[in-house]
Amino acid sequence: MTSDFEMLRAVAAAANGRMDDGELLFTFPEVLNVIKVCTAKQIAVLGLELFEVRSEGYYTEKLSGYDQQMNKGPKTPEGWPDYVKMNNNVAEEFVRGNPAGDDHVYVLTTSSWREFRLLQQIKRR
């Protein structure tokens, strides 16, 4: 399933490739712009992973920064903008604290309000 995050043109244009599972890859500093786009489009960055790109074409995880969990989100759409801002600020701090060269890529875990609510409904079943 294509996520709301992947449907954003600016996000797709900034991607440097995909993982084997289809997740978009971003390099530094472009990943910072992607986070800003997410904030403007009300998509929460729930976590980040930093991978080292190996010459053999595979990735080795170096760092993971997950601060929020889906079950800790807002109960109403009115709380979503603050949730997005809080999460995306943490994501930006993580990237700024872990800048990496071209031999590294970032993977973002994201959610729009629509996706968040859908996952909450699935969890309740």
PDB file of N, CA and C in Angstrom:
ATOM      1  N   MET A   1       0.839  -1.180   0.000  1.00  0.00           N
ATOM      2  CA  MET A   1       0.000   0.000   0.000  1.00  0.00           C
ATOM      3  C   MET A   1       0.886   1.245   0.000  1.00  0.00           C
ATOM      4  N   THR A   2       0.584   2.182  -0.848  1.00  0.00           N
ATOM      5  CA  THR A   2       1.313   3.442  -0.910  1.00  0.00           C
ATOM      6  C   THR A   2       0.815   4.343   0.208  1.00  0.00           C
ATOM      7  N   SER A   3       1.741   4.904   0.957  1.00  0.00           N
ATOM      8  CA  SER A   3       1.357   5.762   2.070  1.00  0.00           C
ATOM      9  C   SER A   3       1.106   7.188   1.585  1.00  0.00           C
ATOM     10  N   ASP A   4       0.405   7.958   2.411  1.00  0.00           N
ATOM     11  CA  ASP A   4       0.171   9.365   2.098  1.00  0.00           C
ATOM     12  C   ASP A   4       1.502  10.101   1.958  1.00  0.00           C
ATOM     13  N   PHE A   5       2.488   9.733   2.743  1.00  0.00           N
ATOM     14  CA  PHE A   5       3.837  10.282   2.690  1.00  0.00           C
ATOM     15  C   PHE A   5       4.440  10.089   1.302  1.00  0.00           C
ATOM     16  N   GLU A   6       4.349   8.897   0.773  1.00  0.00           N
ATOM     17  CA  GLU A   6       4.940   8.587  -0.536  1.00  0.00           C
ATOM     18  C   GLU A   6       4.233   9.297  -1.675  1.00  0.00           C
ATOM     19  N   MET A   7       2.997   9.704  -1.461  1.00  0.00           N
ATOM     20  CA  MET A   7       2.211  10.370  -2.507  1.00  0.00           C
ATOM     21  C   MET A   7       2.604  11.841  -2.679  1.00  0.00           C
ATOM     22  N   LEU A   8       3.345  12.387  -1.737  1.00  0.00           N
ATOM     23  CA  LEU A   8       3.765  13.782  -1.842  1.00  0.00           C
ATOM     24  C   LEU A   8       4.867  13.910  -2.884  1.00  0.00           C
ATOM     25  N   ARG A   9       4.661  14.769  -3.877  1.00  0.00           N
ATOM     26  CA  ARG A   9       5.640  14.917  -4.961  1.00  0.00           C
ATOM     27  C   ARG A   9       7.016  15.318  -4.456  1.00  0.00           C
ATOM     28  N   ALA A  10       7.053  16.252  -3.515  1.00  0.00           N
ATOM     29  CA  ALA A  10       8.341  16.718  -2.994  1.00  0.00           C
ATOM     30  C   ALA A  10       9.092  15.594  -2.284  1.00  0.00           C
ATOM     31  N   VAL A  11       8.367  14.715  -1.633  1.00  0.00           N
ATOM     32  CA  VAL A  11       8.979  13.572  -0.943  1.00  0.00           C
ATOM     33  C   VAL A  11       9.526  12.590  -1.973  1.00  0.00           C
ATOM     34  N   ALA A  12       8.711  12.255  -2.955  1.00  0.00           N
ATOM     35  CA  ALA A  12       9.147  11.317  -3.993  1.00  0.00           C
ATOM     36  C   ALA A  12      10.356  11.855  -4.747  1.00  0.00           C
ATOM     37  N   ALA A  13      10.363  13.155  -5.014  1.00  0.00           N
ATOM     38  CA  ALA A  13      11.476  13.761  -5.742  1.00  0.00           C
ATOM     39  C   ALA A  13      12.763  13.764  -4.936  1.00  0.00           C
ATOM     40  N   ALA A  14      12.652  13.837  -3.619  1.00  0.00           N
ATOM     41  CA  ALA A  14      13.837  13.881  -2.755  1.00  0.00           C
ATOM     42  C   ALA A  14      14.407  12.499  -2.457  1.00  0.00           C
ATOM     43  N   ALA A  15      13.638  11.454  -2.737  1.00  0.00           N
ATOM     44  CA  ALA A  15      14.091  10.092  -2.423  1.00  0.00           C
ATOM     45  C   ALA A  15      15.315   9.726  -3.246  1.00  0.00           C
ATOM     46  N   ASN A  16      16.218   9.007  -2.594  1.00  0.00           N
ATOM     47  CA  ASN A  16      17.467   8.569  -3.216  1.00  0.00           C
ATOM     48  C   ASN A  16      17.401   7.092  -3.607  1.00  0.00           C
ATOM     49  N   GLY A  17      16.247   6.496  -3.494  1.00  0.00           N
ATOM     50  CA  GLY A  17      16.068   5.083  -3.804  1.00  0.00           C
ATOM     51  C   GLY A  17      15.071   4.468  -2.854  1.00  0.00           C
ATOM     52  N   ARG A  18      15.031   3.129  -2.851  1.00  0.00           N
ATOM     53  CA  ARG A  18      14.119   2.380  -1.983  1.00  0.00           C
ATOM     54  C   ARG A  18      14.838   1.189  -1.377  1.00  0.00           C
ATOM     55  N   MET A  19      14.406   0.831  -0.182  1.00  0.00           N
ATOM     56  CA  MET A  19      14.860  -0.413   0.439  1.00  0.00           C
ATOM     57  C   MET A  19      14.201  -1.567  -0.312  1.00  0.00           C
ATOM     58  N   ASP A  20      14.648  -2.778  -0.052  1.00  0.00           N
ATOM     59  CA  ASP A  20      14.037  -3.947  -0.686  1.00  0.00           C
ATOM     60  C   ASP A  20      12.545  -4.049  -0.379  1.00  0.00           C
ATOM     61  N   ASP A  21      12.131  -3.562   0.799  1.00  0.00           N
ATOM     62  CA  ASP A  21      10.720  -3.630   1.176  1.00  0.00           C
ATOM     63  C   ASP A  21       9.913  -2.444   0.650  1.00  0.00           C
ATOM     64  N   GLY A  22      10.550  -1.551  -0.114  1.00  0.00           N
ATOM     65  CA  GLY A  22       9.859  -0.439  -0.733  1.00  0.00           C
ATOM     66  C   GLY A  22       9.949   0.891  -0.013  1.00  0.00           C
ATOM     67  N   GLU A  23      10.507   0.892   1.196  1.00  0.00           N
ATOM     68  CA  GLU A  23      10.608   2.151   1.935  1.00  0.00           C
ATOM     69  C   GLU A  23      11.556   3.105   1.228  1.00  0.00           C
ATOM     70  N   LEU A  24      11.152   4.393   1.189  1.00  0.00           N
ATOM     71  CA  LEU A  24      11.969   5.405   0.542  1.00  0.00           C
ATOM     72  C   LEU A  24      13.225   5.711   1.345  1.00  0.00           C
ATOM     73  N   LEU A  25      14.313   5.998   0.634  1.00  0.00           N
ATOM     74  CA  LEU A  25      15.600   6.331   1.234  1.00  0.00           C
ATOM     75  C   LEU A  25      15.927   7.796   0.959  1.00  0.00           C
ATOM     76  N   PHE A  26      16.513   8.464   1.941  1.00  0.00           N
ATOM     77  CA  PHE A  26      16.884   9.872   1.807  1.00  0.00           C
ATOM     78  C   PHE A  26      18.304  10.080   2.323  1.00  0.00           C
ATOM     79  N   THR A  27      19.006  11.004   1.692  1.00  0.00           N
ATOM     80  CA  THR A  27      20.346  11.354   2.150  1.00  0.00           C
ATOM     81  C   THR A  27      20.288  12.680   2.907  1.00  0.00           C
ATOM     82  N   PHE A  28      21.384  12.979   3.564  1.00  0.00           N
ATOM     83  CA  PHE A  28      21.531  14.251   4.278  1.00  0.00           C
ATOM     84  C   PHE A  28      22.105  15.268   3.299  1.00  0.00           C
ATOM     85  N   PRO A  29      21.629  16.464   3.241  1.00  0.00           N
ATOM     86  CA  PRO A  29      20.665  17.150   4.096  1.00  0.00           C
ATOM     87  C   PRO A  29      19.224  17.108   3.574  1.00  0.00           C
ATOM     88  N   GLU A  30      18.984  16.433   2.439  1.00  0.00           N
ATOM     89  CA  GLU A  30      17.645  16.402   1.852  1.00  0.00           C
ATOM     90  C   GLU A  30      16.588  15.896   2.823  1.00  0.00           C
ATOM     91  N   VAL A  31      16.976  14.980   3.707  1.00  0.00           N
ATOM     92  CA  VAL A  31      16.026  14.434   4.666  1.00  0.00           C
ATOM     93  C   VAL A  31      15.418  15.535   5.545  1.00  0.00           C
ATOM     94  N   LEU A  32      16.186  16.584   5.820  1.00  0.00           N
ATOM     95  CA  LEU A  32      15.653  17.699   6.616  1.00  0.00           C
ATOM     96  C   LEU A  32      14.527  18.406   5.866  1.00  0.00           C
ATOM     97  N   ASN A  33      14.682  18.573   4.573  1.00  0.00           N
ATOM     98  CA  ASN A  33      13.620  19.191   3.773  1.00  0.00           C
ATOM     99  C   ASN A  33      12.386  18.295   3.723  1.00  0.00           C
ATOM    100  N   VAL A  34      12.590  16.994   3.676  1.00  0.00           N
ATOM    101  CA  VAL A  34      11.481  16.051   3.672  1.00  0.00           C
ATOM    102  C   VAL A  34      10.682  16.176   4.977  1.00  0.00           C
ATOM    103  N   ILE A  35      11.361  16.305   6.080  1.00  0.00           N
ATOM    104  CA  ILE A  35      10.680  16.479   7.367  1.00  0.00           C
ATOM    105  C   ILE A  35       9.863  17.768   7.363  1.00  0.00           C
ATOM    106  N   LYS A  36      10.416  18.833   6.802  1.00  0.00           N
ATOM    107  CA  LYS A  36       9.675  20.104   6.708  1.00  0.00           C
ATOM    108  C   LYS A  36       8.432  19.952   5.839  1.00  0.00           C
ATOM    109  N   VAL A  37       8.546  19.242   4.735  1.00  0.00           N
ATOM    110  CA  VAL A  37       7.387  18.990   3.877  1.00  0.00           C
ATOM    111  C   VAL A  37       6.329  18.212   4.664  1.00  0.00           C
ATOM    112  N   CYS A  38       6.770  17.210   5.396  1.00  0.00           N
ATOM    113  CA  CYS A  38       5.832  16.425   6.214  1.00  0.00           C
ATOM    114  C   CYS A  38       5.085  17.325   7.198  1.00  0.00           C
ATOM    115  N   THR A  39       5.803  18.215   7.844  1.00  0.00           N
ATOM    116  CA  THR A  39       5.174  19.120   8.798  1.00  0.00           C
ATOM    117  C   THR A  39       4.133  19.984   8.105  1.00  0.00           C
ATOM    118  N   ALA A  40       4.481  20.540   6.965  1.00  0.00           N
ATOM    119  CA  ALA A  40       3.555  21.398   6.228  1.00  0.00           C
ATOM    120  C   ALA A  40       2.323  20.637   5.756  1.00  0.00           C
ATOM    121  N   LYS A  41       2.476  19.351   5.454  1.00  0.00           N
ATOM    122  CA  LYS A  41       1.378  18.531   4.949  1.00  0.00           C
ATOM    123  C   LYS A  41       0.692  17.710   6.044  1.00  0.00           C
ATOM    124  N   GLN A  42       1.045  17.987   7.310  1.00  0.00           N
ATOM    125  CA  GLN A  42       0.437  17.337   8.473  1.00  0.00           C
ATOM    126  C   GLN A  42       0.652  15.822   8.488  1.00  0.00           C
ATOM    127  N   ILE A  43       1.881  15.422   8.179  1.00  0.00           N
ATOM    128  CA  ILE A  43       2.272  14.021   8.282  1.00  0.00           C
ATOM    129  C   ILE A  43       3.301  13.913   9.394  1.00  0.00           C
ATOM    130  N   ALA A  44       3.013  13.068  10.371  1.00  0.00           N
ATOM    131  CA  ALA A  44       3.898  12.901  11.517  1.00  0.00           C
ATOM    132  C   ALA A  44       5.026  11.931  11.180  1.00  0.00           C
ATOM    133  N   VAL A  45       6.250  12.333  11.523  1.00  0.00           N
ATOM    134  CA  VAL A  45       7.405  11.439  11.422  1.00  0.00           C
ATOM    135  C   VAL A  45       7.528  10.761  12.781  1.00  0.00           C
ATOM    136  N   LEU A  46       7.178   9.493  12.820  1.00  0.00           N
ATOM    137  CA  LEU A  46       7.140   8.756  14.085  1.00  0.00           C
ATOM    138  C   LEU A  46       8.476   8.134  14.443  1.00  0.00           C
ATOM    139  N   GLY A  47       9.349   8.009  13.468  1.00  0.00           N
ATOM    140  CA  GLY A  47      10.652   7.424  13.737  1.00  0.00           C
ATOM    141  C   GLY A  47      11.561   7.538  12.544  1.00  0.00           C
ATOM    142  N   LEU A  48      12.845   7.351  12.813  1.00  0.00           N
ATOM    143  CA  LEU A  48      13.870   7.400  11.779  1.00  0.00           C
ATOM    144  C   LEU A  48      14.855   6.270  11.994  1.00  0.00           C
ATOM    145  N   GLU A  49      15.394   5.803  10.897  1.00  0.00           N
ATOM    146  CA  GLU A  49      16.497   4.851  10.964  1.00  0.00           C
ATOM    147  C   GLU A  49      17.587   5.360  10.046  1.00  0.00           C
ATOM    148  N   LEU A  50      18.820   5.193  10.482  1.00  0.00           N
ATOM    149  CA  LEU A  50      19.980   5.588   9.706  1.00  0.00           C
ATOM    150  C   LEU A  50      20.733   4.324   9.326  1.00  0.00           C
ATOM    151  N   PHE A  51      20.959   4.146   8.033  1.00  0.00           N
ATOM    152  CA  PHE A  51      21.633   2.958   7.523  1.00  0.00           C
ATOM    153  C   PHE A  51      22.909   3.337   6.808  1.00  0.00           C
ATOM    154  N   GLU A  52      23.908   2.498   6.950  1.00  0.00           N
ATOM    155  CA  GLU A  52      25.127   2.633   6.165  1.00  0.00           C
ATOM    156  C   GLU A  52      24.935   1.818   4.888  1.00  0.00           C
ATOM    157  N   VAL A  53      25.266   2.428   3.756  1.00  0.00           N
ATOM    158  CA  VAL A  53      25.153   1.744   2.477  1.00  0.00           C
ATOM    159  C   VAL A  53      26.461   0.995   2.234  1.00  0.00           C
ATOM    160  N   ARG A  54      26.361  -0.297   2.048  1.00  0.00           N
ATOM    161  CA  ARG A  54      27.539  -1.134   1.803  1.00  0.00           C
ATOM    162  C   ARG A  54      27.782  -1.258   0.305  1.00  0.00           C
ATOM    163  N   SER A  55      29.022  -1.456  -0.059  1.00  0.00           N
ATOM    164  CA  SER A  55      29.382  -1.557  -1.476  1.00  0.00           C
ATOM    165  C   SER A  55      28.705  -2.739  -2.154  1.00  0.00           C
ATOM    166  N   GLU A  56      28.333  -3.741  -1.377  1.00  0.00           N
ATOM    167  CA  GLU A  56      27.667  -4.912  -1.942  1.00  0.00           C
ATOM    168  C   GLU A  56      26.199  -4.642  -2.255  1.00  0.00           C
ATOM    169  N   GLY A  57      25.724  -3.420  -1.972  1.00  0.00           N
ATOM    170  CA  GLY A  57      24.354  -3.056  -2.286  1.00  0.00           C
ATOM    171  C   GLY A  57      23.349  -3.342  -1.187  1.00  0.00           C
ATOM    172  N   TYR A  58      23.820  -3.628   0.014  1.00  0.00           N
ATOM    173  CA  TYR A  58      22.872  -3.824   1.106  1.00  0.00           C
ATOM    174  C   TYR A  58      23.119  -2.767   2.182  1.00  0.00           C
ATOM    175  N   TYR A  59      22.237  -2.728   3.159  1.00  0.00           N
ATOM    176  CA  TYR A  59      22.249  -1.673   4.159  1.00  0.00           C
ATOM    177  C   TYR A  59      22.445  -2.273   5.548  1.00  0.00           C
ATOM    178  N   THR A  60      23.236  -1.579   6.350  1.00  0.00           N
ATOM    179  CA  THR A  60      23.457  -1.986   7.729  1.00  0.00           C
ATOM    180  C   THR A  60      22.916  -0.880   8.635  1.00  0.00           C
ATOM    181  N   GLU A  61      21.999  -1.238   9.521  1.00  0.00           N
ATOM    182  CA  GLU A  61      21.421  -0.239  10.413  1.00  0.00           C
ATOM    183  C   GLU A  61      22.470   0.264  11.386  1.00  0.00           C
ATOM    184  N   LYS A  62      22.541   1.572  11.518  1.00  0.00           N
ATOM    185  CA  LYS A  62      23.488   2.211  12.434  1.00  0.00           C
ATOM    186  C   LYS A  62      22.799   2.808  13.650  1.00  0.00           C
ATOM    187  N   LEU A  63      21.700   3.502  13.414  1.00  0.00           N
ATOM    188  CA  LEU A  63      20.971   4.168  14.492  1.00  0.00           C
ATOM    189  C   LEU A  63      19.484   4.091  14.223  1.00  0.00           C
ATOM    190  N   SER A  64      18.723   4.082  15.291  1.00  0.00           N
ATOM    191  CA  SER A  64      17.277   4.116  15.172  1.00  0.00           C
ATOM    192  C   SER A  64      16.755   5.097  16.206  1.00  0.00           C
ATOM    193  N   GLY A  65      15.856   5.948  15.792  1.00  0.00           N
ATOM    194  CA  GLY A  65      15.299   6.931  16.703  1.00  0.00           C
ATOM    195  C   GLY A  65      13.788   6.945  16.660  1.00  0.00           C
ATOM    196  N   TYR A  66      13.173   6.159  17.520  1.00  0.00           N
ATOM    197  CA  TYR A  66      11.717   6.131  17.601  1.00  0.00           C
ATOM    198  C   TYR A  66      11.302   6.727  18.930  1.00  0.00           C
ATOM    199  N   ASP A  67      10.642   7.853  18.867  1.00  0.00           N
ATOM    200  CA  ASP A  67      10.240   8.529  20.089  1.00  0.00           C
ATOM    201  C   ASP A  67       8.769   8.305  20.401  1.00  0.00           C
ATOM    202  N   GLN A  68       7.949   8.237  19.396  1.00  0.00           N
ATOM    203  CA  GLN A  68       6.508   8.134  19.613  1.00  0.00           C
ATOM    204  C   GLN A  68       5.987   6.777  19.168  1.00  0.00           C
ATOM    205  N   GLN A  69       4.863   6.407  19.716  1.00  0.00           N
ATOM    206  CA  GLN A  69       4.185   5.189  19.308  1.00  0.00           C
ATOM    207  C   GLN A  69       2.784   5.547  18.848  1.00  0.00           C
ATOM    208  N   MET A  70       2.258   4.757  17.940  1.00  0.00           N
ATOM    209  CA  MET A  70       0.940   5.051  17.386  1.00  0.00           C
ATOM    210  C   MET A  70      -0.143   5.111  18.460  1.00  0.00           C
ATOM    211  N   ASN A  71      -0.015   4.347  19.529  1.00  0.00           N
ATOM    212  CA  ASN A  71      -1.068   4.328  20.543  1.00  0.00           C
ATOM    213  C   ASN A  71      -1.009   5.534  21.477  1.00  0.00           C
ATOM    214  N   LYS A  72      -0.017   6.394  21.322  1.00  0.00           N
ATOM    215  CA  LYS A  72       0.092   7.576  22.167  1.00  0.00           C
ATOM    216  C   LYS A  72      -0.403   8.834  21.467  1.00  0.00           C
ATOM    217  N   GLY A  73      -1.003   8.689  20.322  1.00  0.00           N
ATOM    218  CA  GLY A  73      -1.424   9.838  19.527  1.00  0.00           C
ATOM    219  C   GLY A  73      -2.689  10.498  20.041  1.00  0.00           C
ATOM    220  N   PRO A  74      -3.072  11.577  19.386  1.00  0.00           N
ATOM    221  CA  PRO A  74      -4.264  12.326  19.807  1.00  0.00           C
ATOM    222  C   PRO A  74      -5.549  11.553  19.540  1.00  0.00           C
ATOM    223  N   LYS A  75      -6.561  11.884  20.266  1.00  0.00           N
ATOM    224  CA  LYS A  75      -7.864  11.229  20.113  1.00  0.00           C
ATOM    225  C   LYS A  75      -8.747  11.944  19.094  1.00  0.00           C
ATOM    226  N   THR A  76      -8.439  13.203  18.804  1.00  0.00           N
ATOM    227  CA  THR A  76      -9.258  13.992  17.884  1.00  0.00           C
ATOM    228  C   THR A  76      -8.372  14.629  16.814  1.00  0.00           C
ATOM    229  N   PRO A  77      -8.965  14.987  15.671  1.00  0.00           N
ATOM    230  CA  PRO A  77      -8.176  15.636  14.625  1.00  0.00           C
ATOM    231  C   PRO A  77      -7.625  16.998  15.054  1.00  0.00           C
ATOM    232  N   GLU A  78      -8.267  17.630  16.018  1.00  0.00           N
ATOM    233  CA  GLU A  78      -7.787  18.927  16.498  1.00  0.00           C
ATOM    234  C   GLU A  78      -6.422  18.821  17.176  1.00  0.00           C
ATOM    235  N   GLY A  79      -6.120  17.660  17.738  1.00  0.00           N
ATOM    236  CA  GLY A  79      -4.831  17.460  18.392  1.00  0.00           C
ATOM    237  C   GLY A  79      -3.718  17.032  17.438  1.00  0.00           C
ATOM    238  N   TRP A  80      -4.080  16.693  16.204  1.00  0.00           N
ATOM    239  CA  TRP A  80      -3.094  16.188  15.249  1.00  0.00           C
ATOM    240  C   TRP A  80      -1.982  17.186  14.910  1.00  0.00           C
ATOM    241  N   PRO A  81      -2.275  18.463  14.645  1.00  0.00           N
ATOM    242  CA  PRO A  81      -1.190  19.396  14.316  1.00  0.00           C
ATOM    243  C   PRO A  81      -0.110  19.496  15.391  1.00  0.00           C
ATOM    244  N   ASP A  82      -0.512  19.495  16.650  1.00  0.00           N
ATOM    245  CA  ASP A  82       0.481  19.542  17.731  1.00  0.00           C
ATOM    246  C   ASP A  82       1.288  18.248  17.789  1.00  0.00           C
ATOM    247  N   TYR A  83       0.637  17.129  17.563  1.00  0.00           N
ATOM    248  CA  TYR A  83       1.300  15.827  17.534  1.00  0.00           C
ATOM    249  C   TYR A  83       2.336  15.789  16.407  1.00  0.00           C
ATOM    250  N   VAL A  84       1.952  16.286  15.235  1.00  0.00           N
ATOM    251  CA  VAL A  84       2.866  16.343  14.091  1.00  0.00           C
ATOM    252  C   VAL A  84       4.063  17.218  14.430  1.00  0.00           C
ATOM    253  N   LYS A  85       3.797  18.386  14.948  1.00  0.00           N
ATOM    254  CA  LYS A  85       4.879  19.333  15.269  1.00  0.00           C
ATOM    255  C   LYS A  85       5.850  18.738  16.279  1.00  0.00           C
ATOM    256  N   MET A  86       5.326  18.124  17.324  1.00  0.00           N
ATOM    257  CA  MET A  86       6.173  17.532  18.359  1.00  0.00           C
ATOM    258  C   MET A  86       7.043  16.417  17.776  1.00  0.00           C
ATOM    259  N   ASN A  87       6.437  15.496  17.049  1.00  0.00           N
ATOM    260  CA  ASN A  87       7.179  14.377  16.473  1.00  0.00           C
ATOM    261  C   ASN A  87       8.202  14.845  15.452  1.00  0.00           C
ATOM    262  N   ASN A  88       7.816  15.767  14.592  1.00  0.00           N
ATOM    263  CA  ASN A  88       8.698  16.203  13.533  1.00  0.00           C
ATOM    264  C   ASN A  88       9.865  17.031  14.073  1.00  0.00           C
ATOM    265  N   ASN A  89       9.650  17.758  15.165  1.00  0.00           N
ATOM    266  CA  ASN A  89      10.759  18.448  15.814  1.00  0.00           C
ATOM    267  C   ASN A  89      11.777  17.438  16.356  1.00  0.00           C
ATOM    268  N   VAL A  90      11.281  16.363  16.959  1.00  0.00           N
ATOM    269  CA  VAL A  90      12.168  15.312  17.460  1.00  0.00           C
ATOM    270  C   VAL A  90      12.933  14.669  16.298  1.00  0.00           C
ATOM    271  N   ALA A  91      12.240  14.424  15.187  1.00  0.00           N
ATOM    272  CA  ALA A  91      12.887  13.830  14.014  1.00  0.00           C
ATOM    273  C   ALA A  91      13.980  14.744  13.470  1.00  0.00           C
ATOM    274  N   GLU A  92      13.690  16.024  13.386  1.00  0.00           N
ATOM    275  CA  GLU A  92      14.692  16.973  12.893  1.00  0.00           C
ATOM    276  C   GLU A  92      15.898  17.028  13.825  1.00  0.00           C
ATOM    277  N   GLU A  93      15.653  17.024  15.123  1.00  0.00           N
ATOM    278  CA  GLU A  93      16.760  17.006  16.093  1.00  0.00           C
ATOM    279  C   GLU A  93      17.608  15.751  15.935  1.00  0.00           C
ATOM    280  N   PHE A  94      16.958  14.605  15.705  1.00  0.00           N
ATOM    281  CA  PHE A  94      17.680  13.355  15.507  1.00  0.00           C
ATOM    282  C   PHE A  94      18.604  13.467  14.292  1.00  0.00           C
ATOM    283  N   VAL A  95      18.088  13.985  13.184  1.00  0.00           N
ATOM    284  CA  VAL A  95      18.896  14.107  11.967  1.00  0.00           C
ATOM    285  C   VAL A  95      20.035  15.097  12.181  1.00  0.00           C
ATOM    286  N   ARG A  96      19.737  16.237  12.769  1.00  0.00           N
ATOM    287  CA  ARG A  96      20.792  17.247  13.003  1.00  0.00           C
ATOM    288  C   ARG A  96      21.864  16.710  13.943  1.00  0.00           C
ATOM    289  N   GLY A  97      21.472  15.862  14.878  1.00  0.00           N
ATOM    290  CA  GLY A  97      22.430  15.263  15.795  1.00  0.00           C
ATOM    291  C   GLY A  97      23.187  14.090  15.201  1.00  0.00           C
ATOM    292  N   ASN A  98      22.720  13.598  14.068  1.00  0.00           N
ATOM    293  CA  ASN A  98      23.332  12.445  13.403  1.00  0.00           C
ATOM    294  C   ASN A  98      23.450  12.683  11.900  1.00  0.00           C
ATOM    295  N   PRO A  99      24.144  13.776  11.516  1.00  0.00           N
ATOM    296  CA  PRO A  99      24.288  14.022  10.082  1.00  0.00           C
ATOM    297  C   PRO A  99      25.195  12.962   9.476  1.00  0.00           C
ATOM    298  N   ALA A 100      24.869  12.501   8.299  1.00  0.00           N
ATOM    299  CA  ALA A 100      25.654  11.417   7.698  1.00  0.00           C
ATOM    300  C   ALA A 100      25.967  11.754   6.245  1.00  0.00           C
ATOM    301  N   GLY A 101      27.061  11.215   5.757  1.00  0.00           N
ATOM    302  CA  GLY A 101      27.498  11.456   4.389  1.00  0.00           C
ATOM    303  C   GLY A 101      26.721  10.627   3.380  1.00  0.00           C
ATOM    304  N   ASP A 102      27.186  10.684   2.149  1.00  0.00           N
ATOM    305  CA  ASP A 102      26.506  10.008   1.052  1.00  0.00           C
ATOM    306  C   ASP A 102      26.526   8.491   1.166  1.00  0.00           C
ATOM    307  N   ASP A 103      27.326   7.961   2.070  1.00  0.00           N
ATOM    308  CA  ASP A 103      27.368   6.508   2.252  1.00  0.00           C
ATOM    309  C   ASP A 103      26.363   6.043   3.307  1.00  0.00           C
ATOM    310  N   HIS A 104      25.421   6.928   3.635  1.00  0.00           N
ATOM    311  CA  HIS A 104      24.363   6.615   4.593  1.00  0.00           C
ATOM    312  C   HIS A 104      23.025   7.090   4.036  1.00  0.00           C
ATOM    313  N   VAL A 105      21.959   6.443   4.477  1.00  0.00           N
ATOM    314  CA  VAL A 105      20.604   6.850   4.097  1.00  0.00           C
ATOM    315  C   VAL A 105      19.697   6.805   5.323  1.00  0.00           C
ATOM    316  N   TYR A 106      18.667   7.609   5.268  1.00  0.00           N
ATOM    317  CA  TYR A 106      17.661   7.672   6.319  1.00  0.00           C
ATOM    318  C   TYR A 106      16.363   7.082   5.799  1.00  0.00           C
ATOM    319  N   VAL A 107      15.654   6.371   6.666  1.00  0.00           N
ATOM    320  CA  VAL A 107      14.321   5.859   6.373  1.00  0.00           C
ATOM    321  C   VAL A 107      13.390   6.452   7.428  1.00  0.00           C
ATOM    322  N   LEU A 108      12.285   7.018   6.982  1.00  0.00           N
ATOM    323  CA  LEU A 108      11.326   7.642   7.885  1.00  0.00           C
ATOM    324  C   LEU A 108      10.076   6.784   8.007  1.00  0.00           C
ATOM    325  N   THR A 109       9.605   6.636   9.229  1.00  0.00           N
ATOM    326  CA  THR A 109       8.316   6.003   9.487  1.00  0.00           C
ATOM    327  C   THR A 109       7.335   7.140   9.726  1.00  0.00           C
ATOM    328  N   THR A 110       6.261   7.179   8.948  1.00  0.00           N
ATOM    329  CA  THR A 110       5.351   8.326   8.981  1.00  0.00           C
ATOM    330  C   THR A 110       3.896   7.893   9.092  1.00  0.00           C
ATOM    331  N   SER A 111       3.063   8.873   9.401  1.00  0.00           N
ATOM    332  CA  SER A 111       1.626   8.635   9.423  1.00  0.00           C
ATOM    333  C   SER A 111       0.886   9.945   9.216  1.00  0.00           C
ATOM    334  N   SER A 112      -0.122   9.898   8.364  1.00  0.00           N
ATOM    335  CA  SER A 112      -1.075  11.002   8.257  1.00  0.00           C
ATOM    336  C   SER A 112      -2.180  10.741   9.284  1.00  0.00           C
ATOM    337  N   TRP A 113      -3.041  11.724   9.487  1.00  0.00           N
ATOM    338  CA  TRP A 113      -4.169  11.533  10.395  1.00  0.00           C
ATOM    339  C   TRP A 113      -5.063  10.387   9.908  1.00  0.00           C
ATOM    340  N   ARG A 114      -5.299  10.344   8.596  1.00  0.00           N
ATOM    341  CA  ARG A 114      -6.135   9.294   8.015  1.00  0.00           C
ATOM    342  C   ARG A 114      -5.546   7.915   8.303  1.00  0.00           C
ATOM    343  N   GLU A 115      -4.247   7.754   8.091  1.00  0.00           N
ATOM    344  CA  GLU A 115      -3.589   6.469   8.333  1.00  0.00           C
ATOM    345  C   GLU A 115      -3.585   6.124   9.823  1.00  0.00           C
ATOM    346  N   PHE A 116      -3.376   7.124  10.638  1.00  0.00           N
ATOM    347  CA  PHE A 116      -3.372   6.936  12.087  1.00  0.00           C
ATOM    348  C   PHE A 116      -4.717   6.394  12.559  1.00  0.00           C
ATOM    349  N   ARG A 117      -5.800   7.005  12.105  1.00  0.00           N
ATOM    350  CA  ARG A 117      -7.146   6.572  12.509  1.00  0.00           C
ATOM    351  C   ARG A 117      -7.441   5.165  11.994  1.00  0.00           C
ATOM    352  N   LEU A 118      -7.028   4.868  10.785  1.00  0.00           N
ATOM    353  CA  LEU A 118      -7.239   3.549  10.205  1.00  0.00           C
ATOM    354  C   LEU A 118      -6.530   2.466  11.037  1.00  0.00           C
ATOM    355  N   LEU A 119      -5.302   2.745  11.429  1.00  0.00           N
ATOM    356  CA  LEU A 119      -4.566   1.784  12.265  1.00  0.00           C
ATOM    357  C   LEU A 119      -5.214   1.606  13.638  1.00  0.00           C
ATOM    358  N   GLN A 120      -5.731   2.704  14.188  1.00  0.00           N
ATOM    359  CA  GLN A 120      -6.424   2.617  15.475  1.00  0.00           C
ATOM    360  C   GLN A 120      -7.668   1.745  15.363  1.00  0.00           C
ATOM    361  N   GLN A 121      -8.400   1.869  14.266  1.00  0.00           N
ATOM    362  CA  GLN A 121      -9.601   1.042  14.046  1.00  0.00           C
ATOM    363  C   GLN A 121      -9.226  -0.427  13.895  1.00  0.00           C
ATOM    364  N   ILE A 122      -8.166  -0.696  13.184  1.00  0.00           N
ATOM    365  CA  ILE A 122      -7.706  -2.079  13.005  1.00  0.00           C
ATOM    366  C   ILE A 122      -7.292  -2.690  14.333  1.00  0.00           C
ATOM    367  N   LYS A 123      -6.619  -1.914  15.168  1.00  0.00           N
ATOM    368  CA  LYS A 123      -6.181  -2.398  16.487  1.00  0.00           C
ATOM    369  C   LYS A 123      -7.354  -2.789  17.370  1.00  0.00           C
ATOM    370  N   ARG A 124      -8.462  -2.070  17.230  1.00  0.00           N
ATOM    371  CA  ARG A 124      -9.635  -2.328  18.077  1.00  0.00           C
ATOM    372  C   ARG A 124     -10.379  -3.594  17.695  1.00  0.00           C
ATOM    373  N   ARG A 125     -10.157  -4.100  16.518  1.00  0.00           N
ATOM    374  CA  ARG A 125     -10.878  -5.305  16.060  1.00  0.00           C
ATOM    375  C   ARG A 125     -10.363  -6.547  16.699  1.00  0.00           C
TER     376      ARG A 125
END
